[in-house]
Amino acid sequence: MEDKVLRKLFLGFIHIHILHHAKEHPIYGVWMVNELKEHGYNISSGTLYPILHSMETDGLLIRKDCKVEGKVRKYYSITEKGDEILVEARKKAYELFKEITDEPRGGYK
């Protein structure tokens, strides 16, 4: 149960990570899986690729297929819409970070 709840919660963070890195440079699946693992997210390619595809369908990412060592690798870059969403997500994440790290206000302790 706890894993399922955390997985749902972290899914939004994963989307933000993807947008952030796709803004820095084109990303591909295996690289992104490894990058997310460095941040403590245990995500498989089978979970990541549908996320990338849905973000492409939603117009947040654009895909370019390139041949690498005889295989086609799908590179994803951020779109203008994705960049706008990332700006908003950063604002919301910053506000949340401030709220959950500040001393409690009011009647909560």
N, C-alpha and C. Protein backbone atom coordinates (compact mmCIF):
# COMPACT_ATOMS: atom_id res chain seq x y z
N MET A 1 0.82 -1.20 0.00
CA MET A 1 0.00 0.00 0.00
C MET A 1 0.86 1.26 0.00
N GLU A 2 1.85 1.33 0.93
CA GLU A 2 2.71 2.50 1.03
C GLU A 2 3.49 2.72 -0.27
N ASP A 3 4.00 1.65 -0.86
CA ASP A 3 4.74 1.76 -2.13
C ASP A 3 3.85 2.33 -3.23
N LYS A 4 2.59 1.90 -3.27
CA LYS A 4 1.67 2.37 -4.29
C LYS A 4 1.39 3.86 -4.14
N VAL A 5 1.22 4.31 -2.91
CA VAL A 5 0.96 5.72 -2.64
C VAL A 5 2.18 6.55 -3.00
N LEU A 6 3.37 6.11 -2.58
CA LEU A 6 4.59 6.83 -2.91
C LEU A 6 4.82 6.87 -4.41
N ARG A 7 4.53 5.79 -5.08
CA ARG A 7 4.71 5.72 -6.54
C ARG A 7 3.85 6.78 -7.25
N LYS A 8 2.59 6.90 -6.79
CA LYS A 8 1.70 7.92 -7.37
C LYS A 8 2.25 9.31 -7.11
N LEU A 9 2.70 9.55 -5.89
CA LEU A 9 3.22 10.85 -5.52
C LEU A 9 4.47 11.19 -6.33
N PHE A 10 5.38 10.25 -6.46
CA PHE A 10 6.65 10.49 -7.14
C PHE A 10 6.50 10.59 -8.66
N LEU A 11 5.40 10.13 -9.20
CA LEU A 11 5.19 10.20 -10.64
C LEU A 11 5.25 11.64 -11.15
N GLY A 12 4.68 12.56 -10.41
CA GLY A 12 4.76 13.98 -10.77
C GLY A 12 6.19 14.50 -10.73
N PHE A 13 6.94 14.07 -9.72
CA PHE A 13 8.35 14.47 -9.62
C PHE A 13 9.14 13.95 -10.82
N ILE A 14 8.83 12.73 -11.24
CA ILE A 14 9.52 12.13 -12.39
C ILE A 14 9.25 12.94 -13.65
N HIS A 15 8.01 13.35 -13.84
CA HIS A 15 7.67 14.20 -14.99
C HIS A 15 8.49 15.49 -14.98
N ILE A 16 8.63 16.10 -13.81
CA ILE A 16 9.40 17.34 -13.70
C ILE A 16 10.87 17.07 -14.01
N HIS A 17 11.41 15.97 -13.51
CA HIS A 17 12.80 15.59 -13.82
C HIS A 17 12.99 15.46 -15.33
N ILE A 18 12.06 14.78 -15.96
CA ILE A 18 12.16 14.56 -17.41
C ILE A 18 12.17 15.91 -18.14
N LEU A 19 11.24 16.78 -17.81
CA LEU A 19 11.20 18.09 -18.46
C LEU A 19 12.48 18.88 -18.21
N HIS A 20 12.96 18.84 -16.99
CA HIS A 20 14.18 19.56 -16.64
C HIS A 20 15.36 19.10 -17.51
N HIS A 21 15.55 17.80 -17.58
CA HIS A 21 16.70 17.28 -18.34
C HIS A 21 16.50 17.43 -19.84
N ALA A 22 15.26 17.31 -20.31
CA ALA A 22 14.99 17.48 -21.74
C ALA A 22 15.19 18.93 -22.16
N LYS A 23 15.15 19.83 -21.21
CA LYS A 23 15.44 21.24 -21.50
C LYS A 23 16.95 21.45 -21.61
N GLU A 24 17.72 20.73 -20.78
CA GLU A 24 19.18 20.87 -20.80
C GLU A 24 19.79 20.30 -22.07
N HIS A 25 19.29 19.14 -22.49
CA HIS A 25 19.81 18.44 -23.68
C HIS A 25 18.85 17.32 -24.04
N PRO A 26 18.90 16.85 -25.28
CA PRO A 26 18.03 15.71 -25.64
C PRO A 26 18.35 14.50 -24.76
N ILE A 27 17.30 13.83 -24.34
CA ILE A 27 17.45 12.65 -23.46
C ILE A 27 16.93 11.41 -24.19
N TYR A 28 17.35 10.24 -23.73
CA TYR A 28 16.79 8.98 -24.21
C TYR A 28 16.54 8.09 -23.02
N GLY A 29 15.72 7.07 -23.23
CA GLY A 29 15.19 6.26 -22.14
C GLY A 29 16.18 5.70 -21.16
N VAL A 30 17.18 4.97 -21.64
CA VAL A 30 18.14 4.32 -20.73
C VAL A 30 18.89 5.37 -19.91
N TRP A 31 19.26 6.47 -20.57
CA TRP A 31 19.95 7.54 -19.84
C TRP A 31 19.05 8.07 -18.72
N MET A 32 17.78 8.29 -19.04
CA MET A 32 16.85 8.85 -18.06
C MET A 32 16.60 7.88 -16.91
N VAL A 33 16.49 6.59 -17.20
CA VAL A 33 16.33 5.59 -16.14
C VAL A 33 17.51 5.68 -15.16
N ASN A 34 18.73 5.76 -15.71
CA ASN A 34 19.92 5.85 -14.86
C ASN A 34 19.97 7.16 -14.09
N GLU A 35 19.59 8.25 -14.72
CA GLU A 35 19.56 9.55 -14.05
C GLU A 35 18.57 9.52 -12.88
N LEU A 36 17.40 8.98 -13.11
CA LEU A 36 16.40 8.90 -12.05
C LEU A 36 16.87 8.00 -10.91
N LYS A 37 17.58 6.91 -11.23
CA LYS A 37 18.12 6.04 -10.17
C LYS A 37 19.09 6.79 -9.28
N GLU A 38 19.87 7.71 -9.88
CA GLU A 38 20.80 8.51 -9.08
C GLU A 38 20.07 9.38 -8.06
N HIS A 39 18.82 9.66 -8.33
CA HIS A 39 18.01 10.48 -7.42
C HIS A 39 17.08 9.63 -6.55
N GLY A 40 17.27 8.32 -6.57
CA GLY A 40 16.51 7.44 -5.69
C GLY A 40 15.21 6.91 -6.25
N TYR A 41 14.95 7.15 -7.54
CA TYR A 41 13.73 6.63 -8.16
C TYR A 41 14.06 5.32 -8.84
N ASN A 42 13.40 4.26 -8.43
CA ASN A 42 13.61 2.94 -9.03
C ASN A 42 12.52 2.73 -10.08
N ILE A 43 12.83 3.09 -11.31
CA ILE A 43 11.85 3.03 -12.39
C ILE A 43 12.42 2.18 -13.52
N SER A 44 11.58 1.35 -14.08
CA SER A 44 12.03 0.48 -15.17
C SER A 44 11.77 1.16 -16.51
N SER A 45 12.42 0.65 -17.54
CA SER A 45 12.17 1.15 -18.90
C SER A 45 10.71 0.94 -19.27
N GLY A 46 10.12 -0.16 -18.82
CA GLY A 46 8.73 -0.46 -19.10
C GLY A 46 7.76 0.53 -18.50
N THR A 47 8.19 1.23 -17.47
CA THR A 47 7.39 2.29 -16.87
C THR A 47 7.72 3.64 -17.51
N LEU A 48 9.00 3.87 -17.78
CA LEU A 48 9.43 5.17 -18.30
C LEU A 48 8.94 5.43 -19.72
N TYR A 49 9.06 4.44 -20.61
CA TYR A 49 8.71 4.69 -22.01
C TYR A 49 7.26 5.12 -22.21
N PRO A 50 6.30 4.53 -21.53
CA PRO A 50 4.92 5.05 -21.66
C PRO A 50 4.79 6.50 -21.15
N ILE A 51 5.56 6.86 -20.14
CA ILE A 51 5.55 8.25 -19.65
C ILE A 51 6.08 9.17 -20.74
N LEU A 52 7.21 8.80 -21.34
CA LEU A 52 7.78 9.62 -22.41
C LEU A 52 6.81 9.75 -23.58
N HIS A 53 6.18 8.64 -23.95
CA HIS A 53 5.22 8.67 -25.06
C HIS A 53 4.02 9.56 -24.74
N SER A 54 3.52 9.49 -23.51
CA SER A 54 2.37 10.32 -23.15
C SER A 54 2.76 11.79 -23.10
N MET A 55 3.97 12.08 -22.66
CA MET A 55 4.44 13.47 -22.63
C MET A 55 4.62 14.00 -24.06
N GLU A 56 5.01 13.11 -24.97
CA GLU A 56 5.09 13.50 -26.38
C GLU A 56 3.69 13.76 -26.94
N THR A 57 2.76 12.87 -26.65
CA THR A 57 1.37 13.03 -27.10
C THR A 57 0.76 14.32 -26.56
N ASP A 58 1.11 14.67 -25.33
CA ASP A 58 0.58 15.88 -24.70
C ASP A 58 1.28 17.15 -25.20
N GLY A 59 2.28 17.00 -26.06
CA GLY A 59 2.97 18.15 -26.62
C GLY A 59 4.04 18.75 -25.73
N LEU A 60 4.48 18.00 -24.71
CA LEU A 60 5.51 18.49 -23.80
C LEU A 60 6.91 18.16 -24.29
N LEU A 61 7.02 17.08 -25.04
CA LEU A 61 8.29 16.63 -25.59
C LEU A 61 8.15 16.41 -27.09
N ILE A 62 9.26 16.53 -27.79
CA ILE A 62 9.30 16.19 -29.21
C ILE A 62 10.38 15.12 -29.37
N ARG A 63 10.11 14.14 -30.23
CA ARG A 63 11.00 13.00 -30.39
C ARG A 63 11.74 13.09 -31.73
N LYS A 64 13.00 12.72 -31.69
CA LYS A 64 13.81 12.59 -32.90
C LYS A 64 14.48 11.24 -32.85
N ASP A 65 14.28 10.43 -33.90
CA ASP A 65 14.90 9.11 -33.97
C ASP A 65 16.27 9.23 -34.64
N CYS A 66 17.29 8.67 -34.00
CA CYS A 66 18.65 8.69 -34.54
C CYS A 66 19.22 7.28 -34.50
N LYS A 67 20.03 6.95 -35.48
CA LYS A 67 20.69 5.65 -35.50
C LYS A 67 21.97 5.74 -34.68
N VAL A 68 22.07 4.85 -33.69
CA VAL A 68 23.25 4.79 -32.82
C VAL A 68 23.70 3.34 -32.77
N GLU A 69 24.91 3.08 -33.24
CA GLU A 69 25.47 1.72 -33.26
C GLU A 69 24.51 0.74 -33.92
N GLY A 70 23.92 1.15 -35.03
CA GLY A 70 23.04 0.28 -35.80
C GLY A 70 21.62 0.14 -35.27
N LYS A 71 21.32 0.81 -34.17
CA LYS A 71 19.97 0.75 -33.59
C LYS A 71 19.37 2.15 -33.59
N VAL A 72 18.05 2.20 -33.62
CA VAL A 72 17.35 3.48 -33.55
C VAL A 72 17.18 3.87 -32.08
N ARG A 73 17.66 5.05 -31.74
CA ARG A 73 17.49 5.58 -30.39
C ARG A 73 16.56 6.79 -30.48
N LYS A 74 15.59 6.83 -29.59
CA LYS A 74 14.62 7.93 -29.56
C LYS A 74 15.12 8.99 -28.58
N TYR A 75 15.40 10.17 -29.11
CA TYR A 75 15.82 11.29 -28.29
C TYR A 75 14.63 12.23 -28.09
N TYR A 76 14.47 12.70 -26.87
CA TYR A 76 13.36 13.60 -26.53
C TYR A 76 13.91 14.94 -26.09
N SER A 77 13.31 16.01 -26.62
CA SER A 77 13.64 17.38 -26.23
C SER A 77 12.36 18.07 -25.79
N ILE A 78 12.52 19.09 -24.98
CA ILE A 78 11.37 19.83 -24.48
C ILE A 78 10.79 20.71 -25.59
N THR A 79 9.49 20.88 -25.58
CA THR A 79 8.81 21.80 -26.50
C THR A 79 8.56 23.12 -25.78
N GLU A 80 8.05 24.09 -26.51
CA GLU A 80 7.69 25.37 -25.90
C GLU A 80 6.63 25.16 -24.82
N LYS A 81 5.63 24.33 -25.12
CA LYS A 81 4.59 24.02 -24.12
C LYS A 81 5.20 23.33 -22.90
N GLY A 82 6.11 22.39 -23.14
CA GLY A 82 6.78 21.70 -22.04
C GLY A 82 7.57 22.66 -21.17
N ASP A 83 8.22 23.63 -21.82
CA ASP A 83 8.99 24.63 -21.08
C ASP A 83 8.07 25.48 -20.22
N GLU A 84 6.90 25.85 -20.74
CA GLU A 84 5.93 26.63 -19.96
C GLU A 84 5.45 25.83 -18.75
N ILE A 85 5.19 24.56 -18.97
CA ILE A 85 4.76 23.68 -17.87
C ILE A 85 5.87 23.54 -16.83
N LEU A 86 7.11 23.42 -17.29
CA LEU A 86 8.25 23.31 -16.36
C LEU A 86 8.38 24.56 -15.51
N VAL A 87 8.21 25.72 -16.09
CA VAL A 87 8.28 26.98 -15.33
C VAL A 87 7.22 26.97 -14.23
N GLU A 88 6.00 26.59 -14.57
CA GLU A 88 4.92 26.52 -13.57
C GLU A 88 5.22 25.47 -12.50
N ALA A 89 5.70 24.31 -12.93
CA ALA A 89 6.00 23.23 -11.98
C ALA A 89 7.09 23.66 -11.01
N ARG A 90 8.09 24.37 -11.51
CA ARG A 90 9.16 24.86 -10.63
C ARG A 90 8.61 25.82 -9.58
N LYS A 91 7.71 26.72 -9.99
CA LYS A 91 7.10 27.66 -9.05
C LYS A 91 6.34 26.90 -7.97
N LYS A 92 5.53 25.94 -8.40
CA LYS A 92 4.72 25.17 -7.44
C LYS A 92 5.62 24.34 -6.52
N ALA A 93 6.66 23.74 -7.08
CA ALA A 93 7.58 22.93 -6.27
C ALA A 93 8.30 23.80 -5.25
N TYR A 94 8.70 25.00 -5.68
CA TYR A 94 9.38 25.91 -4.76
C TYR A 94 8.46 26.32 -3.62
N GLU A 95 7.21 26.67 -3.94
CA GLU A 95 6.25 27.04 -2.91
C GLU A 95 6.01 25.89 -1.94
N LEU A 96 5.87 24.69 -2.48
CA LEU A 96 5.66 23.52 -1.62
C LEU A 96 6.89 23.29 -0.74
N PHE A 97 8.08 23.38 -1.32
CA PHE A 97 9.30 23.18 -0.56
C PHE A 97 9.38 24.17 0.60
N LYS A 98 9.09 25.44 0.32
CA LYS A 98 9.11 26.44 1.38
C LYS A 98 8.11 26.10 2.47
N GLU A 99 6.92 25.68 2.07
CA GLU A 99 5.88 25.40 3.05
C GLU A 99 6.22 24.20 3.92
N ILE A 100 6.74 23.17 3.35
CA ILE A 100 7.00 21.96 4.15
C ILE A 100 8.31 22.01 4.92
N THR A 101 9.17 22.99 4.61
CA THR A 101 10.42 23.09 5.36
C THR A 101 10.40 24.23 6.37
N ASP A 102 9.44 25.15 6.29
CA ASP A 102 9.32 26.25 7.24
C ASP A 102 8.81 25.72 8.57
N GLU A 103 9.04 26.52 9.60
CA GLU A 103 8.49 26.20 10.91
C GLU A 103 6.96 26.23 10.81
N PRO A 104 6.28 25.36 11.56
CA PRO A 104 4.82 25.37 11.53
C PRO A 104 4.26 26.72 11.98
N ARG A 105 3.19 27.13 11.31
CA ARG A 105 2.51 28.37 11.66
C ARG A 105 1.14 28.04 12.23
N GLY A 106 0.67 28.88 13.07
CA GLY A 106 -0.69 28.70 13.60
C GLY A 106 -0.74 27.60 14.64
N GLY A 107 -1.85 26.85 14.62
CA GLY A 107 -2.13 25.88 15.67
C GLY A 107 -1.51 24.51 15.49
N TYR A 108 -0.67 24.28 14.49
CA TYR A 108 -0.09 22.96 14.29
C TYR A 108 1.31 22.87 14.87
N LYS A 109 1.57 21.78 15.52
CA LYS A 109 2.92 21.53 16.07
C LYS A 109 3.22 20.08 15.97
